[in-house]
């Protein structure tokens, strides 16, 4: 029997409805799907940094309320606005991007 695959996902749109549903499914079925890490690209908005938006808009969402404390430790929050050219984005997060196996643009 071979070991479960180790998958690293990169998701955009996680602060929206579909993004939250996708993240919830990946976290809930983590072992079954072989999810190792999940990166989420979030843009700063209304004076809030990406990590603040993640805590307020995602972690506190009802769909995550039954998860054990600390579930979000498998998530890497990457602050970026994909509508703007950021040539340093890849180099700033090279270690994470190098291991990405799946990208979902939600």
N, C-alpha and C. Protein backbone atom coordinates (compact mmCIF):
# COMPACT_ATOMS: atom_id res chain seq x y z
N UNK A 1 0.85 -1.17 0.00
CA UNK A 1 0.00 0.00 0.00
C UNK A 1 0.89 1.24 0.00
N UNK A 2 0.65 2.15 -0.91
CA UNK A 2 1.48 3.36 -0.99
C UNK A 2 0.94 4.43 -0.05
N UNK A 3 1.81 5.37 0.32
CA UNK A 3 1.43 6.47 1.20
C UNK A 3 0.48 7.40 0.46
N UNK A 4 -0.37 8.06 1.23
CA UNK A 4 -1.30 9.02 0.64
C UNK A 4 -0.52 10.16 0.01
N UNK A 5 -1.01 10.69 -1.10
CA UNK A 5 -0.30 11.80 -1.74
C UNK A 5 -0.30 13.02 -0.83
N UNK A 6 0.72 13.84 -0.96
CA UNK A 6 0.80 15.07 -0.20
C UNK A 6 0.47 16.22 -1.14
N UNK A 7 -0.66 16.85 -0.91
CA UNK A 7 -1.13 17.90 -1.82
C UNK A 7 -1.09 19.26 -1.12
N UNK A 8 -0.67 20.26 -1.88
CA UNK A 8 -0.66 21.63 -1.40
C UNK A 8 -1.50 22.45 -2.36
N UNK A 9 -2.54 23.08 -1.82
CA UNK A 9 -3.48 23.86 -2.61
C UNK A 9 -3.20 25.35 -2.47
N UNK A 10 -3.47 26.08 -3.54
CA UNK A 10 -3.44 27.54 -3.53
C UNK A 10 -4.82 27.98 -3.99
N UNK A 11 -5.50 28.79 -3.15
CA UNK A 11 -6.88 29.19 -3.43
C UNK A 11 -6.98 30.72 -3.46
N UNK A 12 -7.69 31.23 -4.44
CA UNK A 12 -8.07 32.64 -4.43
C UNK A 12 -9.55 32.70 -4.08
N UNK A 13 -10.01 33.84 -3.61
CA UNK A 13 -11.42 34.03 -3.34
C UNK A 13 -11.92 33.36 -2.08
N UNK A 14 -11.04 33.06 -1.14
CA UNK A 14 -11.45 32.33 0.06
C UNK A 14 -12.34 33.15 0.99
N UNK A 15 -12.37 34.46 0.84
CA UNK A 15 -13.26 35.26 1.68
C UNK A 15 -14.69 35.26 1.17
N UNK A 16 -14.91 34.74 -0.02
CA UNK A 16 -16.25 34.63 -0.59
C UNK A 16 -16.89 33.29 -0.25
N UNK A 17 -18.14 33.15 -0.61
CA UNK A 17 -18.91 31.94 -0.29
C UNK A 17 -18.25 30.67 -0.84
N UNK A 18 -17.98 30.63 -2.14
CA UNK A 18 -17.41 29.42 -2.75
C UNK A 18 -16.04 29.09 -2.19
N UNK A 19 -15.24 30.13 -1.96
CA UNK A 19 -13.91 29.91 -1.40
C UNK A 19 -13.97 29.28 -0.02
N UNK A 20 -14.90 29.75 0.80
CA UNK A 20 -15.06 29.18 2.15
C UNK A 20 -15.52 27.73 2.07
N UNK A 21 -16.46 27.45 1.18
CA UNK A 21 -16.95 26.07 1.02
C UNK A 21 -15.80 25.16 0.60
N UNK A 22 -15.00 25.61 -0.34
CA UNK A 22 -13.85 24.82 -0.79
C UNK A 22 -12.86 24.58 0.34
N UNK A 23 -12.51 25.63 1.07
CA UNK A 23 -11.56 25.49 2.17
C UNK A 23 -12.10 24.55 3.24
N UNK A 24 -13.39 24.69 3.56
CA UNK A 24 -14.00 23.82 4.57
C UNK A 24 -13.90 22.36 4.14
N UNK A 25 -14.17 22.10 2.89
CA UNK A 25 -14.10 20.73 2.37
C UNK A 25 -12.67 20.19 2.42
N UNK A 26 -11.71 21.00 2.06
CA UNK A 26 -10.31 20.57 2.08
C UNK A 26 -9.84 20.27 3.50
N UNK A 27 -10.24 21.11 4.44
CA UNK A 27 -9.83 20.90 5.83
C UNK A 27 -10.56 19.69 6.42
N UNK A 28 -11.85 19.59 6.19
CA UNK A 28 -12.64 18.49 6.74
C UNK A 28 -12.18 17.13 6.19
N UNK A 29 -11.82 17.10 4.91
CA UNK A 29 -11.41 15.84 4.28
C UNK A 29 -9.89 15.77 4.10
N UNK A 30 -9.19 16.48 4.94
CA UNK A 30 -7.72 16.60 4.83
C UNK A 30 -7.02 15.25 4.69
N UNK A 31 -7.29 14.34 5.58
CA UNK A 31 -6.62 13.02 5.54
C UNK A 31 -6.98 12.25 4.29
N UNK A 32 -8.26 12.21 3.99
CA UNK A 32 -8.75 11.48 2.82
C UNK A 32 -8.16 11.99 1.52
N UNK A 33 -8.02 13.32 1.41
CA UNK A 33 -7.52 13.93 0.18
C UNK A 33 -6.01 14.13 0.17
N UNK A 34 -5.36 13.87 1.28
CA UNK A 34 -3.91 14.04 1.35
C UNK A 34 -3.48 15.50 1.36
N UNK A 35 -4.29 16.35 1.96
CA UNK A 35 -3.99 17.79 1.99
C UNK A 35 -2.92 18.06 3.04
N UNK A 36 -1.81 18.60 2.58
CA UNK A 36 -0.70 18.95 3.48
C UNK A 36 -0.79 20.40 3.92
N UNK A 37 -0.96 21.31 2.96
CA UNK A 37 -1.05 22.75 3.23
C UNK A 37 -2.06 23.36 2.27
N UNK A 38 -2.59 24.50 2.70
CA UNK A 38 -3.47 25.30 1.84
C UNK A 38 -3.00 26.73 1.93
N UNK A 39 -2.69 27.33 0.80
CA UNK A 39 -2.35 28.74 0.74
C UNK A 39 -3.56 29.50 0.23
N UNK A 40 -3.80 30.66 0.81
CA UNK A 40 -4.92 31.49 0.38
C UNK A 40 -4.41 32.87 0.05
N UNK A 41 -4.75 33.35 -1.13
CA UNK A 41 -4.38 34.71 -1.52
C UNK A 41 -5.54 35.63 -1.18
N UNK A 42 -5.24 36.61 -0.34
CA UNK A 42 -6.26 37.57 0.11
C UNK A 42 -5.70 38.97 -0.06
N UNK A 43 -6.52 39.85 -0.61
CA UNK A 43 -6.05 41.23 -0.78
C UNK A 43 -6.43 42.03 0.47
N UNK A 44 -5.58 43.01 0.81
CA UNK A 44 -5.96 43.91 1.91
C UNK A 44 -7.16 44.74 1.47
N UNK A 45 -8.01 45.09 2.44
CA UNK A 45 -9.21 45.84 2.09
C UNK A 45 -9.69 46.63 3.31
N UNK A 46 -10.13 47.85 3.07
CA UNK A 46 -10.69 48.71 4.12
C UNK A 46 -9.78 48.81 5.33
N UNK A 47 -8.50 48.94 5.09
CA UNK A 47 -7.54 49.09 6.18
C UNK A 47 -7.17 47.81 6.90
N UNK A 48 -7.67 46.68 6.44
CA UNK A 48 -7.34 45.40 7.07
C UNK A 48 -6.31 44.65 6.24
N UNK A 49 -5.32 44.12 6.91
CA UNK A 49 -4.33 43.27 6.24
C UNK A 49 -4.97 41.92 5.91
N UNK A 50 -4.34 41.17 5.05
CA UNK A 50 -4.87 39.87 4.62
C UNK A 50 -5.07 38.92 5.79
N UNK A 51 -4.11 38.85 6.70
CA UNK A 51 -4.25 37.94 7.85
C UNK A 51 -5.41 38.35 8.75
N UNK A 52 -5.66 39.64 8.88
CA UNK A 52 -6.79 40.11 9.68
C UNK A 52 -8.11 39.72 9.00
N UNK A 53 -8.17 39.91 7.69
CA UNK A 53 -9.38 39.52 6.95
C UNK A 53 -9.62 38.01 7.06
N UNK A 54 -8.55 37.23 7.00
CA UNK A 54 -8.69 35.78 7.13
C UNK A 54 -9.31 35.43 8.48
N UNK A 55 -8.79 36.00 9.55
CA UNK A 55 -9.33 35.70 10.89
C UNK A 55 -10.79 36.16 11.02
N UNK A 56 -11.10 37.36 10.53
CA UNK A 56 -12.45 37.91 10.68
C UNK A 56 -13.48 37.28 9.74
N UNK A 57 -13.10 37.10 8.49
CA UNK A 57 -14.08 36.69 7.48
C UNK A 57 -14.11 35.19 7.20
N UNK A 58 -13.03 34.52 7.51
CA UNK A 58 -12.97 33.09 7.19
C UNK A 58 -13.00 32.24 8.47
N UNK A 59 -12.04 32.43 9.34
CA UNK A 59 -11.96 31.58 10.54
C UNK A 59 -13.23 31.66 11.36
N UNK A 60 -13.84 32.83 11.44
CA UNK A 60 -15.06 33.01 12.24
C UNK A 60 -16.35 32.59 11.52
N UNK A 61 -16.25 32.17 10.28
CA UNK A 61 -17.44 31.78 9.52
C UNK A 61 -18.08 30.53 10.13
N UNK A 62 -19.39 30.46 10.01
CA UNK A 62 -20.16 29.38 10.62
C UNK A 62 -19.72 27.99 10.15
N UNK A 63 -19.30 27.87 8.91
CA UNK A 63 -18.93 26.55 8.39
C UNK A 63 -17.68 25.97 9.07
N UNK A 64 -16.93 26.80 9.78
CA UNK A 64 -15.73 26.33 10.48
C UNK A 64 -15.96 26.19 11.99
N UNK A 65 -17.16 26.49 12.46
CA UNK A 65 -17.42 26.55 13.90
C UNK A 65 -17.28 25.20 14.61
N UNK A 66 -17.45 24.11 13.90
CA UNK A 66 -17.35 22.79 14.54
C UNK A 66 -15.95 22.19 14.45
N UNK A 67 -15.03 22.89 13.80
CA UNK A 67 -13.66 22.39 13.68
C UNK A 67 -12.93 22.58 15.00
N UNK A 68 -11.97 21.71 15.29
CA UNK A 68 -11.20 21.88 16.53
C UNK A 68 -10.34 23.15 16.46
N UNK A 69 -10.06 23.70 17.62
CA UNK A 69 -9.21 24.89 17.69
C UNK A 69 -7.88 24.61 17.00
N UNK A 70 -7.39 25.59 16.28
CA UNK A 70 -6.10 25.45 15.61
C UNK A 70 -6.16 24.87 14.21
N UNK A 71 -7.36 24.59 13.70
CA UNK A 71 -7.48 24.01 12.35
C UNK A 71 -6.79 24.88 11.32
N UNK A 72 -6.78 26.18 11.54
CA UNK A 72 -6.25 27.11 10.55
C UNK A 72 -4.72 27.09 10.44
N UNK A 73 -4.05 26.31 11.25
CA UNK A 73 -2.59 26.26 11.18
C UNK A 73 -2.07 25.64 9.89
N UNK A 74 -2.92 24.92 9.16
CA UNK A 74 -2.47 24.37 7.88
C UNK A 74 -2.58 25.39 6.75
N UNK A 75 -3.11 26.57 7.07
CA UNK A 75 -3.34 27.61 6.06
C UNK A 75 -2.23 28.65 6.10
N UNK A 76 -1.71 28.96 4.92
CA UNK A 76 -0.74 30.05 4.76
C UNK A 76 -1.46 31.19 4.07
N UNK A 77 -1.51 32.35 4.73
CA UNK A 77 -2.18 33.52 4.17
C UNK A 77 -1.13 34.33 3.40
N UNK A 78 -1.45 34.59 2.13
CA UNK A 78 -0.56 35.36 1.26
C UNK A 78 -1.28 36.64 0.88
N UNK A 79 -0.72 37.76 1.28
CA UNK A 79 -1.34 39.04 0.97
C UNK A 79 -0.94 39.48 -0.43
N UNK A 80 -1.95 39.64 -1.29
CA UNK A 80 -1.69 40.07 -2.66
C UNK A 80 -3.00 40.52 -3.29
N UNK A 81 -2.88 41.43 -4.21
CA UNK A 81 -4.01 41.86 -5.02
C UNK A 81 -3.69 41.42 -6.44
N UNK A 82 -4.38 40.43 -6.93
CA UNK A 82 -4.08 39.87 -8.24
C UNK A 82 -4.42 40.80 -9.38
N UNK A 83 -5.10 41.90 -9.09
CA UNK A 83 -5.40 42.90 -10.11
C UNK A 83 -4.23 43.85 -10.33
N UNK A 84 -3.24 43.77 -9.46
CA UNK A 84 -2.06 44.63 -9.57
C UNK A 84 -0.83 43.77 -9.84
N UNK A 85 0.06 44.29 -10.63
CA UNK A 85 1.29 43.60 -10.95
C UNK A 85 2.23 43.64 -9.75
N UNK A 86 2.61 42.50 -9.23
CA UNK A 86 3.53 42.41 -8.11
C UNK A 86 4.62 41.40 -8.48
N UNK A 87 5.68 41.92 -9.02
CA UNK A 87 6.75 41.06 -9.50
C UNK A 87 7.50 40.37 -8.36
N UNK A 88 7.33 40.83 -7.15
CA UNK A 88 8.01 40.23 -6.01
C UNK A 88 7.17 39.13 -5.34
N UNK A 89 5.92 38.98 -5.75
CA UNK A 89 5.03 38.01 -5.10
C UNK A 89 5.63 36.60 -5.09
N UNK A 90 6.10 36.15 -6.23
CA UNK A 90 6.67 34.80 -6.29
C UNK A 90 7.92 34.65 -5.44
N UNK A 91 8.79 35.65 -5.48
CA UNK A 91 10.02 35.54 -4.70
C UNK A 91 9.76 35.65 -3.20
N UNK A 92 8.78 36.45 -2.80
CA UNK A 92 8.45 36.59 -1.37
C UNK A 92 7.94 35.28 -0.79
N UNK A 93 7.25 34.50 -1.59
CA UNK A 93 6.62 33.27 -1.11
C UNK A 93 7.12 32.05 -1.88
N UNK A 94 8.36 32.11 -2.32
CA UNK A 94 8.92 31.04 -3.15
C UNK A 94 8.84 29.67 -2.50
N UNK A 95 9.12 29.59 -1.22
CA UNK A 95 9.10 28.29 -0.54
C UNK A 95 7.72 27.66 -0.60
N UNK A 96 6.69 28.47 -0.41
CA UNK A 96 5.33 27.92 -0.48
C UNK A 96 4.96 27.56 -1.91
N UNK A 97 5.16 28.51 -2.84
CA UNK A 97 4.75 28.28 -4.23
C UNK A 97 5.46 27.08 -4.85
N UNK A 98 6.67 26.81 -4.42
CA UNK A 98 7.44 25.70 -4.98
C UNK A 98 6.72 24.37 -4.76
N UNK A 99 5.98 24.24 -3.65
CA UNK A 99 5.33 22.97 -3.35
C UNK A 99 3.88 22.86 -3.78
N UNK A 100 3.34 23.89 -4.42
CA UNK A 100 1.92 23.89 -4.80
C UNK A 100 1.65 22.81 -5.86
N UNK A 101 0.64 21.99 -5.59
CA UNK A 101 0.26 20.95 -6.54
C UNK A 101 -1.08 21.24 -7.22
N UNK A 102 -1.91 22.09 -6.60
CA UNK A 102 -3.23 22.40 -7.14
C UNK A 102 -3.53 23.89 -6.93
N UNK A 103 -4.10 24.52 -7.96
CA UNK A 103 -4.51 25.91 -7.87
C UNK A 103 -6.00 25.99 -8.19
N UNK A 104 -6.75 26.68 -7.31
CA UNK A 104 -8.17 26.86 -7.54
C UNK A 104 -8.44 28.36 -7.48
N UNK A 105 -8.86 28.91 -8.60
CA UNK A 105 -9.17 30.34 -8.68
C UNK A 105 -10.68 30.51 -8.50
N UNK A 106 -11.05 30.85 -7.25
CA UNK A 106 -12.47 30.95 -6.92
C UNK A 106 -12.88 32.41 -6.93
